[in-house]
Amino acid sequence: MALICGSFARSGRVALLSSHLTRNLHVYKHREKSCSLHCHITKPNYRTATLTGPAISSGGQRMCLRFCSRPSAPPPGAPVPTQRHFHTSAPLKALPMPLLWMILKPLQKLAAIILGRSIRKWWVALPDNRRQLMREWTWQRRWHLASGAGVAMVIVALLLLTHLDESPVTGRTRLLVFSRENYMELAAVTSDAYMEEFAELLLPVTDPRHQVVERVVQHLAQRNKDIPEVAEVTWSVHVVQSPNTNAFVLPNGKVFMFTGMLDAMADVHQLTIVLGHEMAHAVLGHSAEQASLSHVVDLVSVILLAAIWAVCPKDSLALVGQWAQDKLKELMFNRPYSRKLETEADQVGLQLAAKACADVRAGPVFWQQMEIRDQLTGEPHFPEWLSTHPSHRNRFTQLDRLMPQALELRESCVCPALPATDPRDVFSKSVKVLLENAKHQGPERTSKPHPTNGSTSPPSALPAALLAQSAAPLFASVDELGEVAQVARRVAGGGKESRPAMRGSN
């Protein structure tokens, strides 16, 4: 039976092979004319000869190779061999490096905890004599270990020195582990997420508020196109219907402005300065810079975290040590560096607004308004060292200090002369009027501000004076503000207000 099965198998293979050869015989015949035979003949005690043409039998060992040229087209009537197409999947796009780091960051911390805890348990499980031997071995080789640690620190320092970069506008030396290109890729992913999140809250492009922000952003970009980081980016505006007093710009030029921030502004000059501040973050690459520092600090903190879990005798103490380490890292590195970047963005944003011919004197006024607004709305006040942003008072103090340079830059850009009325003086007089009226009204009328329910449509000509470089002062409100902005406009126009009602914004 086995022999019969074997014979059937062999006959099946032979039949399959013969059918395959028969099917390709015609093609081979037509190709034969364009083929040549090269033989290599080796004889004992004779030289090796290479022949071209038909095979010649000469009694020695012969090895022949046939070389055929591919015909340009098959002869008429010949079967055309079928072509097989291989379909490959689309290439997978790698995740941006900063995004990959953010994903791996929790795993990195978890690995440090597991490693430190494992070292502690291994040490506790060792006998006393083994522990003593380990201590003696470490002490005897203390200089070798210290030298190894020093070499490692030098290598890390050299690696960090190779990633130093110069800030585009200020020329400040900074550390950049992640490149601008990496953050452009991450910004594309982030902007898609924001667009999906705010899909139902975005104002249409026909809304006057959107048009105001759009025209101011384009005006800022046009007047600062001498900066490559401004000219290379396509700036687009998205206004979000939200009471949050917030605005931000992604590195790829996506501007997100909340209507709550528009409500806090008194005129187009303040809007220009705020947008200049946010655009400065994108121009200077602050997101990549802050992530680079955070990445380096996190790598160092991972080593300290493993040491905490290895040294602490109990998990509860290790958790307390980990919490203390996180708080110290925030207070000593992350938040001070964030405040430093915000201060730099205030400086560069003021320069961008000055080149756009805005009244830069409105910058300090805006932050004074924000301080009074927070007091009226009962916002909690925290010390600056607990915040990621400088205090409002320090911000308008810094802008006041930078005002002479900003005014000089504005004048050098062939901008029209500013009005004689200084918005800072107007605001100071307004505050005095409010304080006097509050004193006459008594504490029962000023203890709690009353919110307004005014219209939220700004005048369509809000940015016209800025874009036309008009010399007339602007006091047109974007929305109904508090009494501070209203009294400021009345004082600027020479009017008087006997008993203004204290009102806060939404």
Protein backbone atom coordinates (compact mmCIF):
# COMPACT_ATOMS: atom_id res chain seq x y z
CA MET A 1 0.00 0.00 0.00
CA ALA A 2 2.84 2.37 0.82
CA LEU A 3 4.47 1.64 -2.54
CA ILE A 4 1.19 2.34 -4.37
CA CYS A 5 0.72 5.65 -2.58
CA GLY A 6 4.32 6.63 -3.32
CA SER A 7 3.89 5.84 -7.01
CA PHE A 8 0.70 7.91 -7.18
CA ALA A 9 2.46 10.80 -5.49
CA ARG A 10 5.39 10.63 -7.88
CA SER A 11 3.10 10.36 -10.88
CA GLY A 12 1.13 13.36 -9.61
CA ARG A 13 4.30 15.44 -9.25
CA VAL A 14 5.51 14.41 -12.71
CA ALA A 15 2.13 15.28 -14.26
CA LEU A 16 2.13 18.66 -12.55
CA LEU A 17 5.70 19.37 -13.68
CA SER A 18 5.01 18.29 -17.26
CA SER A 19 1.90 20.45 -17.50
CA HIS A 20 3.88 23.45 -16.17
CA LEU A 21 6.64 22.86 -18.75
CA THR A 22 4.13 22.42 -21.58
CA ARG A 23 2.36 25.65 -20.62
CA ASN A 24 5.62 27.62 -20.80
CA LEU A 25 7.14 25.86 -23.82
CA HIS A 26 5.93 28.37 -26.39
CA VAL A 27 7.23 31.31 -24.48
CA TYR A 28 10.62 29.63 -24.15
CA LYS A 29 10.82 28.96 -27.89
CA HIS A 30 10.21 32.57 -28.75
CA ARG A 31 12.80 33.71 -26.24
CA GLU A 32 15.39 31.20 -27.44
CA LYS A 33 16.41 33.34 -30.40
CA SER A 34 17.56 36.12 -28.11
CA CYS A 35 19.50 33.82 -25.80
CA SER A 36 23.20 32.93 -25.74
CA LEU A 37 24.94 30.00 -24.07
CA HIS A 38 28.14 30.51 -22.08
CA CYS A 39 30.05 27.32 -21.09
CA HIS A 40 32.93 26.89 -18.74
CA ILE A 41 35.02 23.72 -19.55
CA THR A 42 37.64 22.36 -17.22
CA LYS A 43 40.02 19.52 -18.24
CA PRO A 44 42.63 17.84 -16.18
CA ASN A 45 46.14 19.27 -16.85
CA TYR A 46 44.71 21.76 -19.38
CA ARG A 47 43.82 25.41 -19.23
CA THR A 48 40.35 26.50 -18.57
CA ALA A 49 38.44 27.65 -21.65
CA THR A 50 35.31 29.74 -21.96
CA LEU A 51 33.15 29.16 -24.98
CA THR A 52 30.25 31.14 -26.33
CA GLY A 53 27.70 29.53 -28.55
CA PRO A 54 26.43 25.96 -28.72
CA ALA A 55 27.68 23.53 -26.12
CA ILE A 56 30.77 21.58 -27.18
CA SER A 57 31.53 18.22 -25.65
CA SER A 58 35.24 17.87 -25.13
CA GLY A 59 35.47 15.20 -22.49
CA GLY A 60 35.93 17.47 -19.51
CA GLN A 61 33.65 18.95 -16.91
CA ARG A 62 31.34 21.50 -18.41
CA MET A 63 29.19 24.12 -16.70
CA CYS A 64 26.89 26.14 -18.98
CA LEU A 65 24.79 29.24 -18.27
CA ARG A 66 22.15 30.62 -20.61
CA PHE A 67 21.69 34.41 -20.76
CA CYS A 68 18.51 35.74 -22.34
CA SER A 69 17.55 39.32 -23.06
CA ARG A 70 14.00 40.33 -22.23
CA PRO A 71 11.99 41.00 -25.40
CA SER A 72 10.29 44.36 -25.69
CA ALA A 73 6.96 42.79 -26.60
CA PRO A 74 5.77 39.16 -26.95
CA PRO A 75 5.41 37.83 -30.51
CA PRO A 76 1.92 37.74 -32.05
CA GLY A 77 -0.05 34.77 -30.94
CA ALA A 78 2.19 33.95 -28.00
CA PRO A 79 0.57 33.64 -24.57
CA VAL A 80 1.31 36.60 -22.35
CA PRO A 81 2.52 35.57 -18.90
CA THR A 82 0.34 36.82 -16.10
CA GLN A 83 1.70 39.56 -13.84
CA ARG A 84 1.21 39.39 -10.13
CA HIS A 85 0.68 42.61 -8.22
CA PHE A 86 1.60 42.79 -4.56
CA HIS A 87 -0.54 45.16 -2.50
CA THR A 88 1.21 46.71 0.46
CA SER A 89 -0.41 48.61 3.30
CA ALA A 90 0.07 52.36 3.59
CA PRO A 91 3.17 53.37 5.54
CA LEU A 92 2.47 54.11 9.18
CA LYS A 93 3.36 57.63 10.23
CA ALA A 94 5.52 57.73 13.33
CA LEU A 95 4.20 59.57 16.35
CA PRO A 96 5.78 62.97 17.04
CA MET A 97 8.62 62.67 19.52
CA PRO A 98 7.06 64.98 22.16
CA LEU A 99 3.78 63.03 21.98
CA LEU A 100 5.64 59.73 22.32
CA TRP A 101 7.48 61.13 25.33
CA MET A 102 4.19 62.22 26.96
CA ILE A 103 2.80 58.72 26.44
CA LEU A 104 5.89 57.00 27.89
CA LYS A 105 6.27 59.46 30.78
CA PRO A 106 3.90 57.58 33.19
CA LEU A 107 5.51 54.26 32.27
CA GLN A 108 8.91 55.75 33.00
CA LYS A 109 7.79 56.75 36.50
CA LEU A 110 6.17 53.35 37.08
CA ALA A 111 9.38 51.56 36.06
CA ALA A 112 11.37 53.68 38.54
CA ILE A 113 8.95 52.79 41.35
CA ILE A 114 9.14 49.08 40.54
CA LEU A 115 12.94 49.18 40.33
CA GLY A 116 13.36 51.03 43.62
CA ARG A 117 10.91 48.79 45.43
CA SER A 118 12.62 45.67 44.08
CA ILE A 119 16.04 46.91 45.26
CA ARG A 120 14.63 47.57 48.73
CA LYS A 121 13.07 44.10 48.99
CA TRP A 122 16.28 42.48 47.73
CA TRP A 123 18.32 44.36 50.33
CA VAL A 124 15.95 43.43 53.17
CA ALA A 125 16.08 39.77 52.15
CA LEU A 126 19.91 39.65 52.32
CA PRO A 127 21.54 38.09 55.40
CA ASP A 128 23.44 40.39 57.75
CA ASN A 129 26.84 39.09 56.71
CA ARG A 130 26.07 39.66 53.03
CA ARG A 131 24.98 43.23 53.78
CA GLN A 132 28.22 43.84 55.63
CA LEU A 133 30.24 42.49 52.71
CA MET A 134 28.33 44.74 50.31
CA ARG A 135 29.02 47.78 52.48
CA GLU A 136 32.74 46.96 52.66
CA TRP A 137 32.93 46.35 48.91
CA THR A 138 31.24 49.70 48.23
CA TRP A 139 33.51 51.55 50.62
CA GLN A 140 36.66 50.02 49.13
CA ARG A 141 35.62 51.05 45.63
CA ARG A 142 34.15 54.42 46.56
CA TRP A 143 36.60 56.36 44.41
CA HIS A 144 35.97 54.14 41.40
CA LEU A 145 32.23 54.60 41.78
CA ALA A 146 32.60 58.35 42.24
CA SER A 147 34.77 58.52 39.13
CA GLY A 148 32.20 56.58 37.13
CA ALA A 149 29.45 58.92 38.30
CA GLY A 150 31.57 61.93 37.36
CA VAL A 151 32.25 60.56 33.87
CA ALA A 152 28.51 59.92 33.40
CA MET A 153 27.74 63.50 34.44
CA VAL A 154 30.31 64.86 31.99
CA ILE A 155 28.81 62.79 29.16
CA VAL A 156 25.31 64.05 30.00
CA ALA A 157 26.58 67.64 30.14
CA LEU A 158 28.22 67.27 26.71
CA LEU A 159 25.00 65.85 25.29
CA LEU A 160 23.06 68.80 26.67
CA LEU A 161 25.58 71.26 25.25
CA THR A 162 25.01 69.81 21.77
CA HIS A 163 21.30 70.68 22.08
CA LEU A 164 21.75 74.36 22.90
CA ASP A 165 19.88 76.77 20.67
CA GLU A 166 19.43 80.53 20.25
CA SER A 167 16.04 82.14 20.67
CA PRO A 168 14.84 83.72 17.39
CA VAL A 169 14.11 87.29 18.55
CA THR A 170 15.83 87.75 21.89
CA GLY A 171 18.99 85.74 21.11
CA ARG A 172 18.81 83.98 24.47
CA THR A 173 20.64 80.66 24.76
CA ARG A 174 18.29 77.82 25.64
CA LEU A 175 18.08 74.01 25.71
CA LEU A 176 16.07 72.33 22.96
CA VAL A 177 15.80 68.55 23.12
CA PHE A 178 12.76 68.58 20.83
CA SER A 179 13.10 70.42 17.55
CA ARG A 180 10.64 72.92 16.11
CA GLU A 181 9.73 70.38 13.42
CA ASN A 182 8.75 67.84 16.08
CA TYR A 183 6.42 70.35 17.68
CA MET A 184 4.91 71.31 14.34
CA GLU A 185 3.84 67.67 13.98
CA LEU A 186 2.47 67.65 17.52
CA ALA A 187 0.67 70.95 16.91
CA ALA A 188 -1.12 69.43 13.92
CA VAL A 189 -2.41 66.61 16.13
CA THR A 190 -3.31 69.02 18.95
CA SER A 191 -5.13 71.46 16.68
CA ASP A 192 -7.29 68.66 15.29
CA ALA A 193 -8.20 67.69 18.86
CA TYR A 194 -9.10 71.29 19.74
CA MET A 195 -11.16 71.71 16.59
CA GLU A 196 -13.13 68.60 17.51
CA GLU A 197 -13.53 69.77 21.12
CA PHE A 198 -14.71 73.27 20.18
CA ALA A 199 -16.65 72.24 17.05
CA GLU A 200 -20.01 73.41 18.43
CA LEU A 201 -18.62 76.56 20.09
CA LEU A 202 -16.73 78.16 17.20
CA LEU A 203 -18.13 81.46 15.97
CA PRO A 204 -18.78 81.70 12.22
CA VAL A 205 -16.37 83.73 10.13
CA THR A 206 -19.13 86.26 9.49
CA ASP A 207 -19.35 87.11 13.19
CA PRO A 208 -17.94 90.62 13.90
CA ARG A 209 -15.85 89.29 16.77
CA HIS A 210 -14.20 86.74 14.50
CA GLN A 211 -13.55 89.40 11.87
CA VAL A 212 -11.95 91.70 14.44
CA VAL A 213 -9.54 89.01 15.66
CA GLU A 214 -8.82 87.84 12.11
CA ARG A 215 -7.91 91.32 10.88
CA VAL A 216 -5.71 92.07 13.89
CA VAL A 217 -3.83 88.75 13.55
CA GLN A 218 -3.23 89.26 9.84
CA HIS A 219 -2.13 92.85 10.49
CA LEU A 220 0.37 91.66 13.11
CA ALA A 221 1.71 89.00 10.74
CA GLN A 222 2.03 91.50 7.89
CA ARG A 223 3.86 94.11 9.95
CA ASN A 224 6.27 91.51 11.40
CA LYS A 225 7.00 89.48 8.28
CA ASP A 226 10.69 90.41 8.58
CA ILE A 227 10.85 87.74 11.31
CA PRO A 228 11.21 84.35 9.55
CA GLU A 229 9.23 82.51 12.25
CA VAL A 230 6.30 84.83 11.53
CA ALA A 231 6.51 84.80 7.75
CA GLU A 232 6.83 80.99 7.47
CA VAL A 233 3.61 80.29 9.38
CA THR A 234 0.08 80.45 8.00
CA TRP A 235 -1.94 82.14 10.74
CA SER A 236 -5.58 81.12 11.14
CA VAL A 237 -8.12 82.33 13.71
CA HIS A 238 -10.78 80.44 15.68
CA VAL A 239 -12.98 82.31 18.16
CA VAL A 240 -14.61 80.11 20.81
CA GLN A 241 -17.87 81.10 22.51
CA SER A 242 -16.84 80.58 26.14
CA PRO A 243 -16.71 82.78 29.27
CA ASN A 244 -13.13 81.67 29.98
CA THR A 245 -10.65 84.54 29.99
CA ASN A 246 -8.15 82.72 27.84
CA ALA A 247 -6.38 82.76 24.48
CA PHE A 248 -3.56 80.65 23.05
CA VAL A 249 -1.68 80.10 19.80
CA LEU A 250 -0.32 76.73 18.68
CA PRO A 251 3.14 76.48 17.05
CA ASN A 252 1.54 75.89 13.62
CA GLY A 253 -0.25 79.28 13.72
CA LYS A 254 -3.69 78.21 14.95
CA VAL A 255 -5.06 81.10 17.05
CA PHE A 256 -7.78 80.26 19.59
CA MET A 257 -9.47 83.26 21.20
CA PHE A 258 -12.23 82.89 23.79
CA THR A 259 -15.03 85.41 23.95
CA GLY A 260 -14.40 85.78 27.68
CA MET A 261 -11.02 87.30 26.83
CA LEU A 262 -12.67 89.67 24.33
CA ASP A 263 -15.05 90.76 27.07
CA ALA A 264 -12.09 91.81 29.22
CA MET A 265 -10.64 94.20 26.62
CA ALA A 266 -11.45 97.88 26.29
CA ASP A 267 -10.14 98.60 22.77
CA VAL A 268 -8.35 97.19 19.77
CA HIS A 269 -4.93 98.21 21.06
CA GLN A 270 -5.30 95.90 24.05
CA LEU A 271 -6.45 93.14 21.70
CA THR A 272 -3.34 93.69 19.57
CA ILE A 273 -1.03 93.47 22.59
CA VAL A 274 -2.68 90.27 23.89
CA LEU A 275 -2.54 88.64 20.45
CA GLY A 276 1.07 89.76 20.10
CA HIS A 277 1.84 88.06 23.41
CA GLU A 278 0.25 84.79 22.29
CA MET A 279 1.89 84.91 18.88
CA ALA A 280 5.24 85.52 20.59
CA HIS A 281 4.90 82.14 22.33
CA ALA A 282 4.64 80.45 18.93
CA VAL A 283 7.40 82.54 17.35
CA LEU A 284 9.84 81.84 20.18
CA GLY A 285 8.98 78.11 20.33
CA HIS A 286 8.21 78.22 24.03
CA SER A 287 6.25 74.97 23.99
CA ALA A 288 9.27 73.00 22.69
CA GLU A 289 11.58 74.80 25.10
CA GLN A 290 9.43 74.12 28.14
CA ALA A 291 8.94 70.47 27.15
CA SER A 292 12.71 70.08 26.70
CA LEU A 293 13.44 71.33 30.20
CA SER A 294 10.65 69.19 31.61
CA HIS A 295 12.08 66.16 29.82
CA VAL A 296 15.55 66.65 31.32
CA VAL A 297 14.14 67.31 34.79
CA ASP A 298 11.95 64.22 34.54
CA LEU A 299 14.94 62.03 33.66
CA VAL A 300 16.77 63.27 36.74
CA SER A 301 13.67 62.91 38.90
CA VAL A 302 13.25 59.29 37.76
CA ILE A 303 16.65 58.47 39.27
CA LEU A 304 15.70 60.24 42.50
CA LEU A 305 12.33 58.50 42.52
CA ALA A 306 13.96 55.07 42.27
CA ALA A 307 16.30 56.07 45.13
CA ILE A 308 13.34 57.20 47.27
CA TRP A 309 11.54 53.89 46.84
CA ALA A 310 14.78 52.00 47.50
CA VAL A 311 15.72 53.89 50.68
CA CYS A 312 12.33 54.38 52.37
CA PRO A 313 11.55 51.38 54.61
CA LYS A 314 7.79 51.43 53.89
CA ASP A 315 5.62 52.09 50.86
CA SER A 316 3.67 54.76 52.71
CA LEU A 317 6.85 56.74 53.41
CA ALA A 318 7.92 56.28 49.80
CA LEU A 319 4.60 57.74 48.61
CA VAL A 320 5.09 60.77 50.85
CA GLY A 321 8.62 61.20 49.51
CA GLN A 322 7.35 60.92 45.93
CA TRP A 323 4.68 63.57 46.58
CA ALA A 324 7.28 65.90 48.12
CA GLN A 325 9.59 65.38 45.15
CA ASP A 326 6.81 66.23 42.67
CA LYS A 327 5.93 69.42 44.55
CA LEU A 328 9.55 70.52 44.79
CA LYS A 329 10.04 69.90 41.08
CA GLU A 330 7.00 72.05 40.29
CA LEU A 331 7.97 74.89 42.61
CA MET A 332 11.70 74.92 41.82
CA PHE A 333 11.79 74.21 38.08
CA ASN A 334 8.52 74.04 36.14
CA ARG A 335 6.63 77.05 37.48
CA PRO A 336 9.58 79.49 37.68
CA TYR A 337 10.57 78.57 34.12
CA SER A 338 6.98 79.02 32.95
CA ARG A 339 6.89 82.50 34.52
CA LYS A 340 10.18 83.32 32.80
CA LEU A 341 8.74 82.35 29.41
CA GLU A 342 5.60 84.39 30.05
CA THR A 343 7.72 87.44 30.87
CA GLU A 344 9.70 86.98 27.67
CA ALA A 345 6.47 86.63 25.67
CA ASP A 346 5.23 89.90 27.20
CA GLN A 347 8.42 91.64 26.03
CA VAL A 348 8.38 90.22 22.49
CA GLY A 349 4.60 90.63 22.19
CA LEU A 350 4.97 94.31 23.03
CA GLN A 351 7.55 94.60 20.23
CA LEU A 352 5.23 92.88 17.74
CA ALA A 353 2.40 95.26 18.71
CA ALA A 354 4.70 98.28 18.44
CA LYS A 355 5.70 97.30 14.89
CA ALA A 356 1.97 96.95 14.12
CA CYS A 357 1.54 100.62 15.14
CA ALA A 358 -0.70 99.87 18.12
CA ASP A 359 -0.81 102.19 21.10
CA VAL A 360 1.55 100.18 23.29
CA ARG A 361 0.64 102.30 26.31
CA ALA A 362 -2.58 100.28 26.49
CA GLY A 363 -0.60 97.19 27.56
CA PRO A 364 -0.06 98.16 31.22
CA VAL A 365 -3.67 99.38 31.36
CA PHE A 366 -4.95 95.94 30.32
CA TRP A 367 -3.19 94.18 33.18
CA GLN A 368 -4.39 96.80 35.64
CA GLN A 369 -7.91 96.16 34.39
CA MET A 370 -7.39 92.42 34.87
CA GLU A 371 -6.26 92.96 38.44
CA ILE A 372 -9.32 95.06 39.27
CA ARG A 373 -11.55 92.62 37.40
CA ASP A 374 -10.29 89.73 39.54
CA GLN A 375 -10.96 91.74 42.68
CA LEU A 376 -14.49 92.62 41.55
CA THR A 377 -15.37 89.07 40.56
CA GLY A 378 -13.91 87.58 43.74
CA GLU A 379 -11.20 85.53 42.03
CA PRO A 380 -8.90 83.86 44.60
CA HIS A 381 -5.49 85.46 44.86
CA PHE A 382 -2.44 83.21 45.13
CA PRO A 383 1.20 84.16 45.63
CA GLU A 384 3.14 84.44 42.40
CA TRP A 385 5.53 81.60 43.32
CA LEU A 386 2.56 79.21 43.28
CA SER A 387 1.48 80.25 39.77
CA THR A 388 2.70 79.52 36.26
CA HIS A 389 2.16 83.18 35.27
CA PRO A 390 3.47 86.41 36.76
CA SER A 391 1.01 88.42 38.79
CA HIS A 392 -0.99 91.13 37.05
CA ARG A 393 0.81 93.79 39.07
CA ASN A 394 4.25 92.54 38.04
CA ARG A 395 3.18 92.31 34.42
CA PHE A 396 2.03 95.90 34.10
CA THR A 397 5.11 97.00 36.06
CA GLN A 398 7.35 95.22 33.57
CA LEU A 399 5.49 96.65 30.57
CA ASP A 400 5.81 100.13 32.04
CA ARG A 401 9.54 99.57 32.33
CA LEU A 402 9.75 98.44 28.68
CA MET A 403 7.58 101.31 27.41
CA PRO A 404 10.42 103.68 26.31
CA GLN A 405 11.98 101.01 24.07
CA ALA A 406 8.57 100.05 22.67
CA LEU A 407 7.70 103.66 21.84
CA GLU A 408 11.07 104.13 20.17
CA LEU A 409 10.54 100.97 18.09
CA ARG A 410 7.06 102.13 17.10
CA GLU A 411 8.41 105.48 15.96
CA SER A 412 11.15 103.79 13.91
CA CYS A 413 8.48 101.82 12.00
CA VAL A 414 7.06 105.07 10.53
CA CYS A 415 3.85 104.84 12.54
CA PRO A 416 1.51 107.81 13.02
CA ALA A 417 1.97 109.91 16.13
CA LEU A 418 0.16 108.78 19.24
CA PRO A 419 -2.55 110.97 20.80
CA ALA A 420 -1.54 113.26 23.61
CA THR A 421 -3.92 111.50 26.00
CA ASP A 422 -2.05 108.68 27.70
CA PRO A 423 -4.32 105.67 28.47
CA ARG A 424 -2.35 105.07 31.67
CA ASP A 425 -3.21 108.54 32.97
CA VAL A 426 -6.83 108.08 31.93
CA PHE A 427 -7.02 104.81 33.80
CA SER A 428 -5.49 106.28 36.96
CA LYS A 429 -8.04 109.10 36.95
CA SER A 430 -10.83 106.58 36.36
CA VAL A 431 -9.78 104.52 39.35
CA LYS A 432 -9.74 107.62 41.53
CA VAL A 433 -13.27 108.50 40.41
CA LEU A 434 -14.43 104.96 41.17
CA LEU A 435 -12.85 104.99 44.62
CA GLU A 436 -14.47 108.31 45.48
CA ASN A 437 -17.87 107.13 44.30
CA ALA A 438 -17.47 103.84 46.16
CA LYS A 439 -16.69 105.77 49.34
CA HIS A 440 -19.90 107.81 48.95
CA GLN A 441 -22.02 104.77 48.08
CA GLY A 442 -21.00 102.79 51.15
CA PRO A 443 -19.96 99.18 51.60
CA GLU A 444 -23.46 97.79 51.02
CA ARG A 445 -23.42 98.88 47.34
CA THR A 446 -19.86 97.85 46.55
CA SER A 447 -19.50 94.59 48.43
CA LYS A 448 -20.50 92.43 45.48
CA PRO A 449 -20.39 93.31 41.78
CA HIS A 450 -23.51 92.85 39.67
CA PRO A 451 -23.00 91.00 36.39
CA THR A 452 -24.08 92.58 33.14
CA ASN A 453 -26.27 91.12 30.44
CA GLY A 454 -25.23 93.39 27.62
CA SER A 455 -24.99 92.68 23.96
CA THR A 456 -21.90 90.84 22.72
CA SER A 457 -21.65 92.33 19.24
CA PRO A 458 -18.74 94.74 18.83
CA PRO A 459 -18.80 97.54 16.31
CA SER A 460 -17.75 96.27 12.90
CA ALA A 461 -15.22 99.12 12.55
CA LEU A 462 -13.33 98.11 15.71
CA PRO A 463 -9.95 97.37 14.04
CA ALA A 464 -10.37 99.99 11.32
CA ALA A 465 -8.38 102.68 13.12
CA LEU A 466 -5.52 100.29 13.77
CA LEU A 467 -5.41 98.88 10.25
CA ALA A 468 -5.60 102.34 8.73
CA GLN A 469 -2.95 103.58 11.21
CA SER A 470 -5.24 106.32 12.49
CA ALA A 471 -3.87 108.73 15.04
CA ALA A 472 -7.17 109.02 16.90
CA PRO A 473 -7.45 107.13 20.21
CA LEU A 474 -9.72 104.12 20.39
CA PHE A 475 -12.08 103.59 23.27
CA ALA A 476 -14.66 101.40 21.51
CA SER A 477 -15.46 98.42 23.67
CA VAL A 478 -15.44 94.88 22.38
CA ASP A 479 -18.20 94.05 24.85
CA GLU A 480 -19.74 95.62 27.91
CA LEU A 481 -16.94 95.64 30.46
CA GLY A 482 -17.00 96.70 34.08
CA GLU A 483 -17.36 100.25 35.26
CA VAL A 484 -13.59 100.76 34.98
CA ALA A 485 -13.58 100.69 31.17
CA GLN A 486 -16.73 102.86 30.96
CA VAL A 487 -15.36 105.58 33.23
CA ALA A 488 -12.04 105.46 31.35
CA ARG A 489 -13.82 106.28 28.11
CA ARG A 490 -15.81 109.10 29.75
CA VAL A 491 -12.67 110.66 31.21
CA ALA A 492 -10.95 110.41 27.82
CA GLY A 493 -13.89 112.24 26.23
CA GLY A 494 -13.89 114.94 28.88
CA GLY A 495 -17.20 113.85 30.41
CA LYS A 496 -18.00 113.33 34.07
CA GLU A 497 -19.87 110.61 35.82
CA SER A 498 -21.54 111.47 39.09
CA ARG A 499 -22.61 108.06 40.40
CA PRO A 500 -21.47 105.15 38.21
CA ALA A 501 -22.93 101.76 39.01
CA MET A 502 -20.34 99.09 39.87
CA ARG A 503 -20.74 96.24 37.41
CA GLY A 504 -18.56 93.23 36.75
CA SER A 505 -18.26 91.30 33.53
CA ASN A 506 -19.55 87.82 32.95
